[in-house]
Amino acid sequence: RVSDNYIVCDGDWLNSGDTKDEASDKIGYVAGQMKKHFGESYFPFVGNHDYNYLGVDSEGVRLPSSEWISNEAMKNFMFQNFTGCYYKFKKQVAMNYVLNSRTDYDNINDYDKGMLDWLAGNLVSDNPEHSTVMTHILHLTDQASEIPKRIKCVGKIIEAFNNHTTLTLTNAADGYDKTYDFRSTSGHVDYVLAGHSHADFIET
């Protein structure tokens, strides 16, 4: 029986070198076990490895991007109880925003634009006195040579919301040009919960 308010796990269930079938089996098994043990108290967020972007085919050749696990497949594997691979939930006094940082490649596509708009829009409409942002890759991480643009944008949105200012994000290469206005808000993001570093595994 789960006595905690909630259980979160930020992914990276897969290792390098999984085939498509192995990756699907592992993700499906883990998702089933977590739901079995923790039920509605379990809130997942997905790691970059879980898209199997370091996976291989039957001959051991690295999979092309077209064969990585898709956002839609990830929704079916891990997020059947949620609106999508990013979502929000409230426990006690805190609103929690779970994001999908996806792989550690440096671009912003339509999926990312939708998620950033979703986060900013919910921060304005919820205006939470206390909140948490949960994302696998942290916008302040030193574990990657290049923090993806989408993650840097998450950090800028959090900063602007906490300071109750406006924020314009522009990147011509990715067709991104958006202004968010947080001047009418009074809420706060108290902390960001992240993983990605594998620090516990490395230490062990």
Protein backbone atom coordinates (compact mmCIF):
# COMPACT_ATOMS: atom_id res chain seq x y z
CA ARG A 1 0.00 0.00 0.00
CA VAL A 2 1.33 3.41 -0.95
CA SER A 3 1.26 5.85 1.96
CA ASP A 4 3.07 8.69 0.20
CA ASN A 5 1.15 11.47 -1.52
CA TYR A 6 2.62 10.50 -4.86
CA ILE A 7 5.48 8.67 -6.56
CA VAL A 8 7.37 10.15 -9.51
CA CYS A 9 9.96 8.53 -11.75
CA ASP A 10 11.81 10.47 -14.41
CA GLY A 11 12.72 7.68 -16.78
CA ASP A 12 15.88 6.60 -18.57
CA TRP A 13 14.77 3.00 -18.32
CA LEU A 14 16.57 2.03 -21.53
CA ASN A 15 20.29 1.62 -22.09
CA SER A 16 22.31 1.97 -25.27
CA GLY A 17 22.03 -0.81 -27.83
CA ASP A 18 18.43 -1.99 -27.40
CA THR A 19 16.64 -3.16 -30.53
CA LYS A 20 13.16 -1.80 -31.27
CA ASP A 21 11.51 -4.93 -29.86
CA GLU A 22 13.69 -4.93 -26.75
CA ALA A 23 13.00 -1.26 -26.14
CA SER A 24 9.24 -1.68 -26.52
CA ASP A 25 9.22 -4.71 -24.22
CA LYS A 26 11.21 -2.91 -21.52
CA ILE A 27 9.16 0.30 -21.58
CA GLY A 28 5.89 -1.63 -21.58
CA TYR A 29 7.01 -3.89 -18.74
CA VAL A 30 8.25 -1.03 -16.56
CA ALA A 31 5.10 1.03 -17.12
CA GLY A 32 2.94 -1.95 -16.19
CA GLN A 33 4.91 -2.72 -13.04
CA MET A 34 4.88 0.88 -11.81
CA LYS A 35 1.13 1.13 -12.33
CA LYS A 36 0.63 -2.23 -10.64
CA HIS A 37 2.57 -1.25 -7.53
CA PHE A 38 1.67 2.44 -7.22
CA GLY A 39 -1.62 2.82 -9.10
CA GLU A 40 -3.00 6.34 -9.25
CA SER A 41 -0.19 7.58 -6.98
CA TYR A 42 2.35 7.08 -9.80
CA PHE A 43 3.27 10.02 -12.04
CA PRO A 44 5.85 9.31 -14.77
CA PHE A 45 7.97 11.59 -16.87
CA VAL A 46 10.03 10.36 -19.75
CA GLY A 47 13.83 10.28 -20.13
CA ASN A 48 15.87 10.91 -23.26
CA HIS A 49 17.10 7.30 -23.40
CA ASP A 50 13.51 6.02 -23.38
CA TYR A 51 13.03 7.14 -26.99
CA ASN A 52 15.70 4.54 -27.87
CA TYR A 53 17.68 7.06 -29.88
CA LEU A 54 20.77 5.00 -29.06
CA GLY A 55 19.04 1.79 -30.16
CA VAL A 56 20.19 -0.59 -32.89
CA ASP A 57 18.69 -2.84 -35.53
CA SER A 58 19.10 -6.62 -35.61
CA GLU A 59 22.55 -6.19 -37.17
CA GLY A 60 23.74 -3.82 -34.45
CA VAL A 61 23.54 -0.71 -36.65
CA ARG A 62 22.23 2.43 -34.93
CA LEU A 63 18.58 3.16 -35.66
CA PRO A 64 17.74 6.20 -37.82
CA SER A 65 15.60 8.91 -36.21
CA SER A 66 12.54 7.71 -38.13
CA GLU A 67 12.65 4.47 -36.11
CA TRP A 68 13.07 5.94 -32.64
CA ILE A 69 10.11 5.54 -30.29
CA SER A 70 7.66 8.32 -31.18
CA ASN A 71 5.80 10.69 -28.86
CA GLU A 72 2.57 8.88 -29.78
CA ALA A 73 4.05 5.48 -28.95
CA MET A 74 5.40 6.84 -25.67
CA LYS A 75 1.90 8.09 -24.86
CA ASN A 76 0.57 4.58 -25.36
CA PHE A 77 3.37 2.96 -23.37
CA MET A 78 3.66 5.22 -20.33
CA PHE A 79 0.95 7.88 -20.27
CA GLN A 80 -2.35 6.11 -20.88
CA ASN A 81 -3.81 7.64 -17.70
CA PHE A 82 -2.82 11.17 -18.67
CA THR A 83 -3.66 13.68 -21.38
CA GLY A 84 -0.26 13.23 -23.02
CA CYS A 85 3.47 12.95 -22.41
CA TYR A 86 3.27 16.30 -20.61
CA TYR A 87 0.51 17.09 -18.14
CA LYS A 88 -0.21 18.59 -14.73
CA PHE A 89 -1.52 17.32 -11.42
CA LYS A 90 -2.21 18.90 -8.05
CA LYS A 91 -1.32 17.41 -4.69
CA GLN A 92 -2.03 19.24 -1.46
CA VAL A 93 -1.13 22.91 -2.07
CA ALA A 94 1.21 22.45 -5.04
CA MET A 95 0.44 22.34 -8.75
CA ASN A 96 2.91 20.08 -10.56
CA TYR A 97 3.77 20.51 -14.24
CA VAL A 98 5.33 17.40 -15.80
CA LEU A 99 7.20 18.14 -19.02
CA ASN A 100 8.66 15.99 -21.78
CA SER A 101 12.24 17.06 -22.49
CA ARG A 102 12.60 14.27 -25.10
CA THR A 103 16.08 13.62 -26.53
CA ASP A 104 19.10 15.85 -26.02
CA TYR A 105 19.17 17.15 -29.59
CA ASP A 106 19.19 20.90 -30.01
CA ASN A 107 16.05 21.94 -31.84
CA ILE A 108 12.50 23.16 -31.28
CA ASN A 109 9.77 21.52 -33.35
CA ASP A 110 5.99 21.87 -33.31
CA TYR A 111 5.69 19.43 -30.42
CA ASP A 112 8.06 21.54 -28.30
CA LYS A 113 6.32 24.79 -29.25
CA GLY A 114 3.02 23.27 -28.13
CA MET A 115 4.51 22.19 -24.81
CA LEU A 116 6.10 25.57 -24.12
CA ASP A 117 2.82 27.33 -24.93
CA TRP A 118 1.01 24.86 -22.68
CA LEU A 119 3.36 25.50 -19.75
CA ALA A 120 3.21 29.29 -20.07
CA GLY A 121 -0.57 29.30 -20.54
CA ASN A 122 -1.16 27.09 -17.51
CA LEU A 123 1.13 29.16 -15.31
CA VAL A 124 -0.98 32.21 -16.20
CA SER A 125 -4.38 30.55 -15.81
CA ASP A 126 -3.50 28.56 -12.67
CA ASN A 127 -1.33 31.30 -11.15
CA PRO A 128 -0.25 28.77 -8.49
CA GLU A 129 1.01 30.08 -5.17
CA HIS A 130 3.21 26.97 -5.01
CA SER A 131 4.24 24.82 -7.96
CA THR A 132 6.83 22.39 -9.24
CA VAL A 133 8.16 21.81 -12.74
CA MET A 134 9.30 18.24 -13.43
CA THR A 135 11.46 17.56 -16.47
CA HIS A 136 14.12 14.97 -17.18
CA ILE A 137 16.78 17.34 -18.57
CA LEU A 138 17.41 20.35 -16.33
CA HIS A 139 17.93 23.77 -17.88
CA LEU A 140 20.95 24.26 -15.58
CA THR A 141 22.52 20.84 -16.13
CA ASP A 142 26.26 20.43 -16.66
CA GLN A 143 25.84 16.84 -17.83
CA ALA A 144 25.41 17.59 -21.53
CA SER A 145 27.70 19.49 -23.87
CA GLU A 146 24.70 21.38 -25.27
CA ILE A 147 21.46 21.93 -23.39
CA PRO A 148 18.63 21.66 -25.94
CA LYS A 149 16.98 24.97 -26.86
CA ARG A 150 13.61 23.70 -25.67
CA ILE A 151 15.01 23.13 -22.17
CA LYS A 152 16.63 26.55 -22.06
CA CYS A 153 13.23 27.98 -22.99
CA VAL A 154 11.62 26.16 -20.06
CA GLY A 155 14.10 27.82 -17.72
CA LYS A 156 13.40 31.24 -19.22
CA ILE A 157 9.63 30.75 -18.83
CA ILE A 158 10.06 29.78 -15.16
CA GLU A 159 12.27 32.80 -14.52
CA ALA A 160 9.84 35.20 -16.21
CA PHE A 161 6.87 33.75 -14.33
CA ASN A 162 8.65 34.01 -10.97
CA ASN A 163 9.64 37.60 -11.75
CA HIS A 164 6.19 38.44 -13.22
CA THR A 165 7.62 39.95 -16.38
CA THR A 166 7.15 39.51 -20.14
CA LEU A 167 9.30 37.12 -22.14
CA THR A 168 9.94 36.94 -25.88
CA LEU A 169 11.47 33.77 -27.31
CA THR A 170 12.73 34.03 -30.88
CA ASN A 171 14.63 31.55 -33.01
CA ALA A 172 14.39 32.02 -36.76
CA ALA A 173 15.91 28.64 -37.61
CA ASP A 174 13.13 26.84 -35.77
CA GLY A 175 10.39 29.29 -36.74
CA TYR A 176 9.79 30.24 -33.12
CA ASP A 177 8.68 33.74 -32.20
CA LYS A 178 6.44 34.03 -29.15
CA THR A 179 5.85 36.52 -26.35
CA TYR A 180 4.50 35.46 -22.96
CA ASP A 181 3.10 37.99 -20.49
CA PHE A 182 3.27 37.12 -16.80
CA ARG A 183 2.78 40.64 -15.45
CA SER A 184 -0.69 39.85 -14.10
CA THR A 185 0.48 36.82 -12.13
CA SER A 186 1.56 36.51 -8.51
CA GLY A 187 2.39 32.79 -8.29
CA HIS A 188 5.69 30.98 -8.01
CA VAL A 189 7.56 27.91 -9.23
CA ASP A 190 9.23 26.71 -6.04
CA TYR A 191 11.58 24.15 -7.53
CA VAL A 192 12.40 22.01 -10.55
CA LEU A 193 12.67 18.24 -10.20
CA ALA A 194 14.96 16.63 -12.79
CA GLY A 195 17.20 13.66 -13.50
CA HIS A 196 19.37 12.95 -16.55
CA SER A 197 22.72 12.92 -14.73
CA HIS A 198 22.50 9.22 -13.68
CA ALA A 199 24.28 10.37 -10.51
CA ASP A 200 22.81 7.63 -8.32
CA PHE A 201 23.89 4.95 -10.81
CA ILE A 202 27.36 6.45 -11.20
CA GLU A 203 27.88 6.69 -7.44
CA THR A 204 26.67 3.14 -6.89
